Amino acid sequence: MADVNGKLKAQYKITESIFKRKLIDEIDNAVRSVKTRRISDGNGLMLVIRPNASATWVWRYKSASKLTDFTLGHMPTMDLDAAREEVHRFQSLLASGINPALQRRIEKLNIASLTDSTHQVRHLYQDWFNARKSILSSHYQTNIEKAFAKHVLPVIGAKLLDEVTPAEIDAILDSISHGGAVEMRKRVAMWLRQMFEFGEIGKLAPVLNSSSSED
C-alpha cells in the first residue's frame, strides 16, 4: 500500500500538510461567507466544503464527452489518501470501459445483500439441516428440529450471522444446563458447532467445545 500511495501522491499537486492548512482556511471561509468552497487536488479530485462545515470528496471525470461529478465519500470518514485511492480505482475501471456510477451502485447492492434475511441464523440452520437430512434417521432429525425450535431459533434465529456473539451462544447453552438437561446441552453445543462450521463462522467455535457422539 505504501508504494501505491507514493505513486499516487506524485500525481497530485498538494502535500498533506498544505492540504490540512487549506482545509482549515476553506472551512472558515465557507462558514463566514455562507458559500460553498472547493479544494482542488488534481486528477479531477476536489473537496467540496459547505457552509455547515461538511466536507465531501468529489471526483470530476469525463466520459463520452460528458463531465460528471461523482461523490466518493465524506471527511473525516474518508481521508485524503483514501480519496486518492478511490480516484485511482475508478480511473482504472473507467479505462476498462466500466461506468464508475454503475459500479458504485453494484457495490452498494452487494453490501446491502449481506444484511438481508438470507444471512440470518435461521437460514443457515435450514441450509445446514437440509444438507444433513439424508444421513440422519427421522428420529434424530426430529430431535434436532425440536431442540432448535425450543432453545436456539427463538433467541438468535432472526439475527444476522455477523451479529451473533459467543456470549449469546454461552447464554443459550447455560439456559439448557440450568433446566437440568445436561445431555441436551452437549447435543445442542455439538449441533451449533457443526452448523457454524458449515457456515464457516469460525469466531463462535471456541465456545462450542462440548460435544457428544451422534447416534
N, C-alpha and C. Protein backbone atom coordinates (compact mmCIF):
# COMPACT_ATOMS: atom_id res chain seq x y z
N MET A 1 0.83 -1.20 0.00
CA MET A 1 0.00 0.00 0.00
C MET A 1 0.86 1.25 0.00
N ALA A 2 2.03 1.17 0.65
CA ALA A 2 2.91 2.34 0.72
C ALA A 2 3.39 2.73 -0.66
N ASP A 3 3.73 1.73 -1.51
CA ASP A 3 4.19 2.02 -2.86
C ASP A 3 3.08 2.66 -3.68
N VAL A 4 1.87 2.13 -3.51
CA VAL A 4 0.73 2.70 -4.23
C VAL A 4 0.51 4.14 -3.83
N ASN A 5 0.54 4.40 -2.52
CA ASN A 5 0.34 5.77 -2.04
C ASN A 5 1.43 6.70 -2.55
N GLY A 6 2.68 6.20 -2.60
CA GLY A 6 3.78 7.02 -3.09
C GLY A 6 3.58 7.42 -4.53
N LYS A 7 3.16 6.48 -5.36
CA LYS A 7 2.93 6.77 -6.78
C LYS A 7 1.75 7.73 -6.96
N LEU A 8 0.72 7.53 -6.14
CA LEU A 8 -0.45 8.40 -6.24
C LEU A 8 -0.11 9.83 -5.84
N LYS A 9 0.66 9.97 -4.76
CA LYS A 9 1.00 11.30 -4.28
C LYS A 9 1.75 12.10 -5.33
N ALA A 10 2.56 11.41 -6.14
CA ALA A 10 3.33 12.09 -7.17
C ALA A 10 2.44 12.70 -8.24
N GLN A 11 1.19 12.18 -8.35
CA GLN A 11 0.28 12.68 -9.38
C GLN A 11 -0.50 13.92 -8.92
N TYR A 12 -0.44 14.22 -7.64
CA TYR A 12 -1.25 15.30 -7.10
C TYR A 12 -0.40 16.51 -6.76
N LYS A 13 -1.04 17.65 -6.75
CA LYS A 13 -0.28 18.90 -6.70
C LYS A 13 -0.07 19.46 -5.30
N ILE A 14 -0.74 18.90 -4.28
CA ILE A 14 -0.55 19.43 -2.93
C ILE A 14 -0.17 18.31 -1.97
N THR A 15 0.61 18.66 -0.97
CA THR A 15 1.01 17.69 0.05
C THR A 15 -0.03 17.66 1.16
N GLU A 16 0.08 16.66 2.05
CA GLU A 16 -0.88 16.55 3.14
C GLU A 16 -0.85 17.78 4.05
N SER A 17 0.35 18.30 4.31
CA SER A 17 0.45 19.46 5.21
C SER A 17 -0.20 20.69 4.60
N ILE A 18 0.03 20.91 3.30
CA ILE A 18 -0.62 22.04 2.61
C ILE A 18 -2.13 21.84 2.60
N PHE A 19 -2.55 20.59 2.33
CA PHE A 19 -3.97 20.29 2.29
C PHE A 19 -4.64 20.61 3.63
N LYS A 20 -4.00 20.23 4.73
CA LYS A 20 -4.58 20.48 6.05
C LYS A 20 -4.74 21.97 6.32
N ARG A 21 -3.73 22.75 5.90
CA ARG A 21 -3.83 24.20 6.09
C ARG A 21 -4.96 24.78 5.25
N LYS A 22 -5.04 24.31 4.00
CA LYS A 22 -6.11 24.78 3.12
C LYS A 22 -7.48 24.40 3.68
N LEU A 23 -7.57 23.20 4.23
CA LEU A 23 -8.84 22.73 4.76
C LEU A 23 -9.34 23.63 5.88
N ILE A 24 -8.46 23.96 6.80
CA ILE A 24 -8.83 24.85 7.90
C ILE A 24 -9.29 26.20 7.38
N ASP A 25 -8.52 26.76 6.42
CA ASP A 25 -8.86 28.07 5.86
C ASP A 25 -10.20 28.03 5.13
N GLU A 26 -10.41 27.00 4.31
CA GLU A 26 -11.62 26.96 3.49
C GLU A 26 -12.87 26.66 4.30
N ILE A 27 -12.74 25.88 5.36
CA ILE A 27 -13.89 25.66 6.25
C ILE A 27 -14.30 26.99 6.88
N ASP A 28 -13.31 27.73 7.33
CA ASP A 28 -13.57 29.04 7.92
C ASP A 28 -14.21 29.97 6.90
N ASN A 29 -13.67 29.97 5.67
CA ASN A 29 -14.22 30.83 4.61
C ASN A 29 -15.65 30.45 4.26
N ALA A 30 -15.91 29.14 4.18
CA ALA A 30 -17.25 28.67 3.82
C ALA A 30 -18.27 29.08 4.87
N VAL A 31 -17.90 28.94 6.14
CA VAL A 31 -18.82 29.29 7.22
C VAL A 31 -19.07 30.79 7.26
N ARG A 32 -18.01 31.57 7.08
CA ARG A 32 -18.15 33.03 7.18
C ARG A 32 -18.88 33.61 5.98
N SER A 33 -18.59 33.08 4.80
CA SER A 33 -19.17 33.65 3.58
C SER A 33 -20.50 33.00 3.20
N VAL A 34 -20.86 31.92 3.90
CA VAL A 34 -22.08 31.15 3.59
C VAL A 34 -22.06 30.74 2.12
N LYS A 35 -20.90 30.36 1.63
CA LYS A 35 -20.75 29.90 0.26
C LYS A 35 -19.95 28.59 0.24
N THR A 36 -20.28 27.75 -0.72
CA THR A 36 -19.55 26.50 -0.88
C THR A 36 -18.14 26.78 -1.40
N ARG A 37 -17.16 26.13 -0.81
CA ARG A 37 -15.76 26.29 -1.22
C ARG A 37 -15.24 24.95 -1.73
N ARG A 38 -14.17 25.01 -2.50
CA ARG A 38 -13.58 23.79 -3.05
C ARG A 38 -12.06 23.82 -2.91
N ILE A 39 -11.50 22.67 -2.59
CA ILE A 39 -10.06 22.50 -2.62
C ILE A 39 -9.76 21.49 -3.72
N SER A 40 -9.08 21.93 -4.77
CA SER A 40 -8.74 21.05 -5.88
C SER A 40 -7.43 20.34 -5.59
N ASP A 41 -7.40 19.03 -5.85
CA ASP A 41 -6.22 18.23 -5.54
C ASP A 41 -5.54 17.67 -6.79
N GLY A 42 -6.18 17.77 -7.94
CA GLY A 42 -5.62 17.21 -9.16
C GLY A 42 -6.31 15.92 -9.55
N ASN A 43 -6.15 15.52 -10.81
CA ASN A 43 -6.79 14.30 -11.33
C ASN A 43 -8.31 14.35 -11.20
N GLY A 44 -8.86 15.56 -11.13
CA GLY A 44 -10.31 15.71 -11.01
C GLY A 44 -10.84 15.60 -9.60
N LEU A 45 -9.94 15.33 -8.63
CA LEU A 45 -10.38 15.19 -7.24
C LEU A 45 -10.47 16.54 -6.56
N MET A 46 -11.56 16.77 -5.86
CA MET A 46 -11.72 18.00 -5.09
C MET A 46 -12.51 17.73 -3.82
N LEU A 47 -12.28 18.57 -2.84
CA LEU A 47 -13.04 18.51 -1.60
C LEU A 47 -14.01 19.68 -1.59
N VAL A 48 -15.29 19.38 -1.54
CA VAL A 48 -16.33 20.41 -1.55
C VAL A 48 -16.75 20.69 -0.10
N ILE A 49 -16.57 21.93 0.32
CA ILE A 49 -16.85 22.32 1.71
C ILE A 49 -18.05 23.26 1.73
N ARG A 50 -19.07 22.88 2.46
CA ARG A 50 -20.30 23.66 2.51
C ARG A 50 -20.34 24.54 3.76
N PRO A 51 -21.22 25.53 3.77
CA PRO A 51 -21.28 26.47 4.90
C PRO A 51 -21.54 25.82 6.25
N ASN A 52 -22.12 24.62 6.26
CA ASN A 52 -22.35 23.92 7.53
C ASN A 52 -21.11 23.16 7.99
N ALA A 53 -19.99 23.37 7.25
CA ALA A 53 -18.69 22.77 7.56
C ALA A 53 -18.58 21.30 7.16
N SER A 54 -19.59 20.76 6.49
CA SER A 54 -19.47 19.39 5.98
C SER A 54 -18.53 19.39 4.78
N ALA A 55 -17.78 18.31 4.62
CA ALA A 55 -16.79 18.23 3.55
C ALA A 55 -16.96 16.92 2.78
N THR A 56 -17.13 17.03 1.47
CA THR A 56 -17.41 15.87 0.63
C THR A 56 -16.37 15.75 -0.47
N TRP A 57 -15.85 14.53 -0.64
CA TRP A 57 -14.91 14.28 -1.73
C TRP A 57 -15.68 14.05 -3.02
N VAL A 58 -15.31 14.79 -4.06
CA VAL A 58 -15.96 14.67 -5.36
C VAL A 58 -14.89 14.47 -6.43
N TRP A 59 -15.14 13.54 -7.30
CA TRP A 59 -14.24 13.30 -8.43
C TRP A 59 -14.96 13.71 -9.71
N ARG A 60 -14.37 14.65 -10.44
CA ARG A 60 -14.93 15.09 -11.72
C ARG A 60 -14.22 14.35 -12.84
N TYR A 61 -14.99 13.58 -13.60
CA TYR A 61 -14.38 12.81 -14.69
C TYR A 61 -15.18 13.02 -15.98
N LYS A 62 -14.53 12.69 -17.08
CA LYS A 62 -15.16 12.87 -18.39
C LYS A 62 -15.37 11.52 -19.04
N SER A 63 -16.59 11.29 -19.48
CA SER A 63 -16.93 10.04 -20.17
C SER A 63 -17.91 10.36 -21.28
N ALA A 64 -17.60 9.87 -22.47
CA ALA A 64 -18.45 10.14 -23.64
C ALA A 64 -18.68 11.64 -23.81
N SER A 65 -17.60 12.41 -23.67
CA SER A 65 -17.62 13.87 -23.84
C SER A 65 -18.49 14.59 -22.82
N LYS A 66 -18.82 13.90 -21.73
CA LYS A 66 -19.67 14.50 -20.70
C LYS A 66 -18.94 14.52 -19.37
N LEU A 67 -18.95 15.69 -18.70
CA LEU A 67 -18.34 15.82 -17.38
C LEU A 67 -19.33 15.38 -16.30
N THR A 68 -18.85 14.58 -15.38
CA THR A 68 -19.69 14.09 -14.29
C THR A 68 -19.00 14.32 -12.96
N ASP A 69 -19.74 14.85 -11.98
CA ASP A 69 -19.23 14.99 -10.62
C ASP A 69 -19.70 13.79 -9.81
N PHE A 70 -18.75 13.01 -9.35
CA PHE A 70 -19.03 11.74 -8.70
C PHE A 70 -18.62 11.79 -7.23
N THR A 71 -19.57 11.61 -6.33
CA THR A 71 -19.28 11.66 -4.90
C THR A 71 -18.57 10.39 -4.45
N LEU A 72 -17.41 10.58 -3.83
CA LEU A 72 -16.61 9.44 -3.36
C LEU A 72 -16.89 9.11 -1.90
N GLY A 73 -17.03 10.14 -1.07
CA GLY A 73 -17.22 9.93 0.36
C GLY A 73 -17.12 11.25 1.11
N HIS A 74 -17.07 11.16 2.41
CA HIS A 74 -17.09 12.36 3.24
C HIS A 74 -15.95 12.33 4.26
N MET A 75 -15.42 13.51 4.53
CA MET A 75 -14.47 13.63 5.63
C MET A 75 -15.26 13.72 6.94
N PRO A 76 -14.72 13.20 8.05
CA PRO A 76 -13.39 12.59 8.19
C PRO A 76 -13.37 11.09 7.92
N THR A 77 -14.52 10.50 7.57
CA THR A 77 -14.55 9.05 7.32
C THR A 77 -13.57 8.65 6.23
N MET A 78 -13.50 9.45 5.18
CA MET A 78 -12.55 9.21 4.09
C MET A 78 -11.50 10.31 4.12
N ASP A 79 -10.24 9.93 4.33
CA ASP A 79 -9.19 10.94 4.37
C ASP A 79 -8.61 11.17 2.97
N LEU A 80 -7.58 12.00 2.89
CA LEU A 80 -7.00 12.39 1.60
C LEU A 80 -6.46 11.18 0.85
N ASP A 81 -5.68 10.34 1.52
CA ASP A 81 -5.10 9.16 0.86
C ASP A 81 -6.18 8.22 0.34
N ALA A 82 -7.22 8.00 1.15
CA ALA A 82 -8.30 7.10 0.75
C ALA A 82 -9.05 7.65 -0.46
N ALA A 83 -9.25 8.97 -0.50
CA ALA A 83 -9.93 9.59 -1.63
C ALA A 83 -9.11 9.43 -2.91
N ARG A 84 -7.80 9.61 -2.79
CA ARG A 84 -6.92 9.44 -3.95
C ARG A 84 -6.94 8.00 -4.46
N GLU A 85 -6.95 7.06 -3.53
CA GLU A 85 -7.00 5.65 -3.92
C GLU A 85 -8.31 5.33 -4.64
N GLU A 86 -9.41 5.91 -4.17
CA GLU A 86 -10.69 5.70 -4.83
C GLU A 86 -10.67 6.26 -6.25
N VAL A 87 -10.09 7.45 -6.42
CA VAL A 87 -9.97 8.02 -7.76
C VAL A 87 -9.16 7.09 -8.65
N HIS A 88 -8.05 6.60 -8.13
CA HIS A 88 -7.20 5.68 -8.89
C HIS A 88 -7.98 4.44 -9.30
N ARG A 89 -8.76 3.89 -8.37
CA ARG A 89 -9.55 2.69 -8.65
C ARG A 89 -10.59 2.95 -9.73
N PHE A 90 -11.31 4.05 -9.60
CA PHE A 90 -12.36 4.34 -10.57
C PHE A 90 -11.78 4.77 -11.92
N GLN A 91 -10.62 5.39 -11.92
CA GLN A 91 -9.96 5.71 -13.19
C GLN A 91 -9.63 4.43 -13.95
N SER A 92 -9.16 3.42 -13.22
CA SER A 92 -8.83 2.13 -13.84
C SER A 92 -10.08 1.47 -14.41
N LEU A 93 -11.18 1.55 -13.67
CA LEU A 93 -12.44 1.00 -14.16
C LEU A 93 -12.91 1.73 -15.41
N LEU A 94 -12.81 3.06 -15.36
CA LEU A 94 -13.23 3.87 -16.50
C LEU A 94 -12.42 3.54 -17.74
N ALA A 95 -11.11 3.33 -17.55
CA ALA A 95 -10.23 2.98 -18.67
C ALA A 95 -10.59 1.62 -19.26
N SER A 96 -11.24 0.78 -18.44
CA SER A 96 -11.65 -0.55 -18.90
C SER A 96 -13.07 -0.54 -19.47
N GLY A 97 -13.65 0.66 -19.55
CA GLY A 97 -14.99 0.78 -20.11
C GLY A 97 -16.11 0.57 -19.11
N ILE A 98 -15.78 0.59 -17.81
CA ILE A 98 -16.79 0.38 -16.77
C ILE A 98 -17.23 1.73 -16.21
N ASN A 99 -18.53 1.95 -16.19
CA ASN A 99 -19.08 3.21 -15.68
C ASN A 99 -18.92 3.27 -14.16
N PRO A 100 -18.20 4.27 -13.63
CA PRO A 100 -17.99 4.36 -12.18
C PRO A 100 -19.28 4.43 -11.37
N ALA A 101 -20.26 5.20 -11.86
CA ALA A 101 -21.52 5.34 -11.14
C ALA A 101 -22.26 4.00 -11.07
N LEU A 102 -22.25 3.26 -12.18
CA LEU A 102 -22.89 1.95 -12.20
C LEU A 102 -22.17 0.98 -11.27
N GLN A 103 -20.84 1.04 -11.28
CA GLN A 103 -20.06 0.18 -10.39
C GLN A 103 -20.37 0.47 -8.93
N ARG A 104 -20.51 1.74 -8.58
CA ARG A 104 -20.84 2.11 -7.21
C ARG A 104 -22.20 1.56 -6.81
N ARG A 105 -23.17 1.62 -7.72
CA ARG A 105 -24.50 1.09 -7.41
C ARG A 105 -24.44 -0.42 -7.17
N ILE A 106 -23.65 -1.11 -7.98
CA ILE A 106 -23.50 -2.56 -7.82
C ILE A 106 -22.87 -2.88 -6.47
N GLU A 107 -21.86 -2.10 -6.09
CA GLU A 107 -21.19 -2.32 -4.80
C GLU A 107 -22.15 -2.10 -3.64
N LYS A 108 -22.99 -1.08 -3.74
CA LYS A 108 -23.95 -0.82 -2.67
C LYS A 108 -24.98 -1.94 -2.56
N LEU A 109 -25.39 -2.48 -3.71
CA LEU A 109 -26.33 -3.60 -3.70
C LEU A 109 -25.70 -4.83 -3.08
N ASN A 110 -24.42 -5.06 -3.37
CA ASN A 110 -23.71 -6.20 -2.79
C ASN A 110 -23.61 -6.08 -1.28
N ILE A 111 -23.33 -4.85 -0.81
CA ILE A 111 -23.25 -4.63 0.63
C ILE A 111 -24.61 -4.84 1.28
N ALA A 112 -25.65 -4.33 0.61
CA ALA A 112 -27.00 -4.49 1.16
C ALA A 112 -27.40 -5.96 1.25
N SER A 113 -26.94 -6.76 0.28
CA SER A 113 -27.31 -8.17 0.27
C SER A 113 -26.76 -8.92 1.47
N LEU A 114 -25.68 -8.40 2.07
CA LEU A 114 -25.08 -9.06 3.22
C LEU A 114 -25.94 -8.92 4.47
N THR A 115 -26.91 -8.01 4.43
CA THR A 115 -27.75 -7.81 5.60
C THR A 115 -29.19 -8.22 5.37
N ASP A 116 -29.45 -8.95 4.26
CA ASP A 116 -30.83 -9.36 4.03
C ASP A 116 -31.12 -10.65 4.79
N SER A 117 -32.37 -11.12 4.69
CA SER A 117 -32.81 -12.23 5.51
C SER A 117 -32.10 -13.54 5.19
N THR A 118 -31.51 -13.67 4.01
CA THR A 118 -30.84 -14.92 3.66
C THR A 118 -29.59 -15.13 4.48
N HIS A 119 -29.16 -14.13 5.23
CA HIS A 119 -27.98 -14.26 6.07
C HIS A 119 -28.33 -14.29 7.55
N GLN A 120 -29.57 -14.63 7.82
CA GLN A 120 -29.98 -14.80 9.21
C GLN A 120 -29.61 -16.20 9.69
N VAL A 121 -29.51 -16.35 11.00
CA VAL A 121 -29.14 -17.64 11.58
C VAL A 121 -30.13 -18.73 11.17
N ARG A 122 -31.41 -18.40 11.15
CA ARG A 122 -32.42 -19.42 10.83
C ARG A 122 -32.24 -19.97 9.42
N HIS A 123 -31.71 -19.15 8.51
CA HIS A 123 -31.48 -19.65 7.15
C HIS A 123 -30.23 -20.52 7.08
N LEU A 124 -29.22 -20.16 7.86
CA LEU A 124 -28.05 -21.03 7.94
C LEU A 124 -28.45 -22.38 8.54
N TYR A 125 -29.27 -22.32 9.59
CA TYR A 125 -29.75 -23.57 10.21
C TYR A 125 -30.47 -24.43 9.18
N GLN A 126 -31.36 -23.83 8.38
CA GLN A 126 -32.13 -24.59 7.41
C GLN A 126 -31.22 -25.21 6.35
N ASP A 127 -30.24 -24.43 5.89
CA ASP A 127 -29.29 -24.96 4.90
C ASP A 127 -28.49 -26.12 5.47
N TRP A 128 -28.01 -25.95 6.70
CA TRP A 128 -27.22 -26.99 7.36
C TRP A 128 -28.06 -28.25 7.58
N PHE A 129 -29.27 -28.06 8.08
CA PHE A 129 -30.15 -29.20 8.37
C PHE A 129 -30.51 -29.96 7.09
N ASN A 130 -30.84 -29.23 6.04
CA ASN A 130 -31.19 -29.87 4.77
C ASN A 130 -30.02 -30.66 4.19
N ALA A 131 -28.80 -30.15 4.40
CA ALA A 131 -27.62 -30.83 3.87
C ALA A 131 -27.34 -32.13 4.61
N ARG A 132 -27.83 -32.25 5.84
CA ARG A 132 -27.55 -33.42 6.68
C ARG A 132 -28.70 -34.43 6.72
N LYS A 133 -29.87 -34.03 6.30
CA LYS A 133 -31.06 -34.87 6.49
C LYS A 133 -30.90 -36.27 5.92
N SER A 134 -30.25 -36.37 4.78
CA SER A 134 -30.18 -37.66 4.10
C SER A 134 -29.37 -38.70 4.87
N ILE A 135 -28.53 -38.26 5.81
CA ILE A 135 -27.70 -39.21 6.55
C ILE A 135 -28.21 -39.43 7.97
N LEU A 136 -29.34 -38.83 8.32
CA LEU A 136 -29.88 -38.93 9.67
C LEU A 136 -31.19 -39.70 9.68
N SER A 137 -31.42 -40.41 10.76
CA SER A 137 -32.70 -41.10 10.92
C SER A 137 -33.79 -40.06 11.18
N SER A 138 -35.03 -40.43 10.91
CA SER A 138 -36.14 -39.50 11.13
C SER A 138 -36.23 -39.11 12.60
N HIS A 139 -35.92 -40.05 13.50
CA HIS A 139 -35.95 -39.78 14.94
C HIS A 139 -34.91 -38.71 15.30
N TYR A 140 -33.71 -38.85 14.74
CA TYR A 140 -32.64 -37.90 15.03
C TYR A 140 -32.95 -36.53 14.44
N GLN A 141 -33.53 -36.51 13.25
CA GLN A 141 -33.94 -35.24 12.63
C GLN A 141 -34.93 -34.51 13.54
N THR A 142 -35.88 -35.26 14.07
CA THR A 142 -36.89 -34.67 14.95
C THR A 142 -36.26 -34.09 16.21
N ASN A 143 -35.26 -34.79 16.76
CA ASN A 143 -34.57 -34.28 17.95
C ASN A 143 -33.90 -32.94 17.68
N ILE A 144 -33.25 -32.84 16.52
CA ILE A 144 -32.58 -31.58 16.16
C ILE A 144 -33.60 -30.46 15.98
N GLU A 145 -34.67 -30.75 15.23
CA GLU A 145 -35.68 -29.74 14.97
C GLU A 145 -36.32 -29.23 16.26
N LYS A 146 -36.63 -30.14 17.16
CA LYS A 146 -37.25 -29.74 18.43
C LYS A 146 -36.30 -28.91 19.28
N ALA A 147 -35.03 -29.32 19.32
CA ALA A 147 -34.04 -28.60 20.13
C ALA A 147 -33.83 -27.18 19.62
N PHE A 148 -33.71 -27.03 18.30
CA PHE A 148 -33.51 -25.69 17.74
C PHE A 148 -34.76 -24.84 17.89
N ALA A 149 -35.92 -25.45 17.71
CA ALA A 149 -37.17 -24.70 17.84
C ALA A 149 -37.38 -24.21 19.27
N LYS A 150 -36.90 -24.98 20.24
CA LYS A 150 -37.11 -24.63 21.64
C LYS A 150 -36.02 -23.71 22.20
N HIS A 151 -34.76 -24.03 21.88
CA HIS A 151 -33.65 -23.36 22.57
C HIS A 151 -32.89 -22.32 21.74
N VAL A 152 -32.84 -22.50 20.43
CA VAL A 152 -31.93 -21.68 19.61
C VAL A 152 -32.64 -20.62 18.79
N LEU A 153 -33.55 -21.05 17.94
CA LEU A 153 -34.16 -20.11 16.99
C LEU A 153 -34.94 -18.98 17.64
N PRO A 154 -35.65 -19.21 18.75
CA PRO A 154 -36.34 -18.07 19.38
C PRO A 154 -35.38 -17.00 19.89
N VAL A 155 -34.14 -17.38 20.15
CA VAL A 155 -33.16 -16.43 20.71
C VAL A 155 -32.35 -15.73 19.62
N ILE A 156 -31.80 -16.49 18.67
CA ILE A 156 -30.91 -15.89 17.66
C ILE A 156 -31.35 -16.15 16.23
N GLY A 157 -32.49 -16.79 16.03
CA GLY A 157 -32.91 -17.16 14.68
C GLY A 157 -33.01 -16.00 13.71
N ALA A 158 -33.50 -14.85 14.19
CA ALA A 158 -33.69 -13.69 13.32
C ALA A 158 -32.45 -12.81 13.22
N LYS A 159 -31.41 -13.16 13.96
CA LYS A 159 -30.19 -12.34 13.94
C LYS A 159 -29.38 -12.59 12.67
N LEU A 160 -28.68 -11.54 12.21
CA LEU A 160 -27.73 -11.71 11.13
C LEU A 160 -26.53 -12.47 11.66
N LEU A 161 -25.89 -13.24 10.80
CA LEU A 161 -24.78 -14.09 11.24
C LEU A 161 -23.68 -13.29 11.91
N ASP A 162 -23.37 -12.12 11.36
CA ASP A 162 -22.29 -11.30 11.92
C ASP A 162 -22.65 -10.68 13.26
N GLU A 163 -23.92 -10.73 13.62
CA GLU A 163 -24.36 -10.11 14.88
C GLU A 163 -24.30 -11.07 16.06
N VAL A 164 -24.21 -12.36 15.79
CA VAL A 164 -24.21 -13.34 16.86
C VAL A 164 -22.87 -13.32 17.58
N THR A 165 -22.91 -13.31 18.91
CA THR A 165 -21.69 -13.26 19.70
C THR A 165 -21.49 -14.55 20.49
N PRO A 166 -20.25 -14.87 20.86
CA PRO A 166 -20.01 -16.04 21.70
C PRO A 166 -20.80 -15.99 23.01
N ALA A 167 -20.97 -14.79 23.55
CA ALA A 167 -21.72 -14.65 24.80
C ALA A 167 -23.17 -15.12 24.64
N GLU A 168 -23.76 -14.87 23.48
CA GLU A 168 -25.13 -15.30 23.24
C GLU A 168 -25.22 -16.82 23.15
N ILE A 169 -24.21 -17.44 22.53
CA ILE A 169 -24.19 -18.89 22.45
C ILE A 169 -24.04 -19.49 23.85
N ASP A 170 -23.15 -18.90 24.65
CA ASP A 170 -22.98 -19.35 26.04
C ASP A 170 -24.29 -19.27 26.80
N ALA A 171 -25.02 -18.17 26.59
CA ALA A 171 -26.28 -17.97 27.31
C ALA A 171 -27.31 -19.03 26.93
N ILE A 172 -27.35 -19.38 25.65
CA ILE A 172 -28.27 -20.43 25.20
C ILE A 172 -27.94 -21.76 25.88
N LEU A 173 -26.67 -22.11 25.87
CA LEU A 173 -26.24 -23.38 26.46
C LEU A 173 -26.44 -23.39 27.97
N ASP A 174 -26.15 -22.27 28.62
CA ASP A 174 -26.34 -22.18 30.07
C ASP A 174 -27.80 -22.33 30.46
N SER A 175 -28.68 -21.76 29.64
CA SER A 175 -30.12 -21.86 29.96
C SER A 175 -30.59 -23.31 29.89
N ILE A 176 -29.99 -24.09 28.98
CA ILE A 176 -30.34 -25.52 28.90
C ILE A 176 -29.82 -26.25 30.13
N SER A 177 -28.59 -25.93 30.53
CA SER A 177 -28.00 -26.56 31.72
C SER A 177 -28.79 -26.26 32.98
N HIS A 178 -29.23 -25.01 33.11
CA HIS A 178 -29.99 -24.61 34.30
C HIS A 178 -31.31 -25.36 34.40
N GLY A 179 -31.79 -25.84 33.27
CA GLY A 179 -33.03 -26.62 33.29
C GLY A 179 -32.78 -28.08 33.63
N GLY A 180 -31.52 -28.43 33.86
CA GLY A 180 -31.18 -29.79 34.25
C GLY A 180 -30.91 -30.73 33.09
N ALA A 181 -30.99 -30.23 31.86
CA ALA A 181 -30.80 -31.09 30.69
C ALA A 181 -29.34 -31.04 30.24
N VAL A 182 -28.47 -31.67 31.02
CA VAL A 182 -27.03 -31.62 30.74
C VAL A 182 -26.70 -32.30 29.42
N GLU A 183 -27.31 -33.44 29.17
CA GLU A 183 -27.04 -34.15 27.92
C GLU A 183 -27.53 -33.35 26.71
N MET A 184 -28.69 -32.71 26.87
CA MET A 184 -29.21 -31.88 25.79
C MET A 184 -28.28 -30.72 25.51
N ARG A 185 -27.70 -30.15 26.55
CA ARG A 185 -26.74 -29.06 26.37
C ARG A 185 -25.58 -29.51 25.49
N LYS A 186 -25.06 -30.72 25.76
CA LYS A 186 -23.95 -31.24 24.97
C LYS A 186 -24.35 -31.42 23.51
N ARG A 187 -25.55 -31.92 23.30
CA ARG A 187 -26.00 -32.15 21.93
C ARG A 187 -26.21 -30.83 21.18
N VAL A 188 -26.84 -29.87 21.84
CA VAL A 188 -27.06 -28.57 21.19
C VAL A 188 -25.74 -27.89 20.89
N ALA A 189 -24.78 -27.99 21.82
CA ALA A 189 -23.45 -27.42 21.58
C ALA A 189 -22.81 -28.06 20.35
N MET A 190 -22.93 -29.37 20.26
CA MET A 190 -22.37 -30.09 19.12
C MET A 190 -23.04 -29.66 17.82
N TRP A 191 -24.37 -29.57 17.83
CA TRP A 191 -25.10 -29.19 16.62
C TRP A 191 -24.80 -27.75 16.21
N LEU A 192 -24.70 -26.87 17.20
CA LEU A 192 -24.36 -25.48 16.89
C LEU A 192 -22.97 -25.38 16.29
N ARG A 193 -22.03 -26.14 16.87
CA ARG A 193 -20.68 -26.11 16.33
C ARG A 193 -20.67 -26.59 14.88
N GLN A 194 -21.38 -27.67 14.61
CA GLN A 194 -21.45 -28.20 13.25
C GLN A 194 -22.10 -27.19 12.30
N MET A 195 -23.14 -26.53 12.78
CA MET A 195 -23.84 -25.55 11.94
C MET A 195 -22.94 -24.37 11.60
N PHE A 196 -22.25 -23.82 12.60
CA PHE A 196 -21.41 -22.66 12.34
C PHE A 196 -20.16 -23.04 11.54
N GLU A 197 -19.66 -24.25 11.71
CA GLU A 197 -18.56 -24.71 10.87
C GLU A 197 -19.03 -24.87 9.43
N PHE A 198 -20.26 -25.35 9.26
CA PHE A 198 -20.86 -25.47 7.93
C PHE A 198 -20.94 -24.10 7.27
N GLY A 199 -21.27 -23.08 8.07
CA GLY A 199 -21.35 -21.71 7.54
C GLY A 199 -20.05 -20.95 7.63
N GLU A 200 -18.98 -21.63 8.06
CA GLU A 200 -17.65 -21.03 8.17
C GLU A 200 -17.66 -19.79 9.07
N ILE A 201 -18.36 -19.89 10.20
CA ILE A 201 -18.39 -18.81 11.19
C ILE A 201 -17.42 -19.19 12.31
N GLY A 202 -16.14 -19.01 12.05
CA GLY A 202 -15.11 -19.50 12.96
C GLY A 202 -15.08 -18.84 14.32
N LYS A 203 -15.57 -17.61 14.42
CA LYS A 203 -15.44 -16.87 15.69
C LYS A 203 -16.22 -17.52 16.82
N LEU A 204 -17.21 -18.38 16.48
CA LEU A 204 -18.03 -18.98 17.51
C LEU A 204 -17.53 -20.36 17.94
N ALA A 205 -16.52 -20.87 17.26
CA ALA A 205 -16.01 -22.20 17.56
C ALA A 205 -15.48 -22.36 18.98
N PRO A 206 -14.74 -21.38 19.53
CA PRO A 206 -14.15 -21.58 20.86
C PRO A 206 -15.15 -21.90 21.96
N VAL A 207 -16.36 -21.35 21.88
CA VAL A 207 -17.32 -21.59 22.96
C VAL A 207 -18.09 -22.88 22.76
N LEU A 208 -17.92 -23.51 21.61
CA LEU A 208 -18.65 -24.74 21.32
C LEU A 208 -17.71 -25.93 21.39
N ASN A 209 -17.07 -26.10 22.54
CA ASN A 209 -16.08 -27.16 22.67
C ASN A 209 -16.62 -28.39 23.39
N SER A 210 -17.89 -28.38 23.71
CA SER A 210 -18.51 -29.56 24.32
C SER A 210 -19.21 -30.34 23.23
N SER A 211 -18.96 -31.61 23.14
CA SER A 211 -19.60 -32.41 22.09
C SER A 211 -19.88 -33.81 22.59
N SER A 212 -20.74 -34.48 21.86
CA SER A 212 -21.00 -35.89 22.14
C SER A 212 -21.11 -36.59 20.81
N SER A 213 -20.94 -37.87 20.78
CA SER A 213 -21.01 -38.61 19.52
C SER A 213 -22.45 -38.71 19.08
N GLU A 214 -22.65 -38.72 17.76
CA GLU A 214 -24.00 -38.81 17.24
C GLU A 214 -24.52 -40.23 17.34
N ASP A 215 -25.86 -40.34 17.44
CA ASP A 215 -26.48 -41.66 17.50
C ASP A 215 -26.37 -42.33 16.14
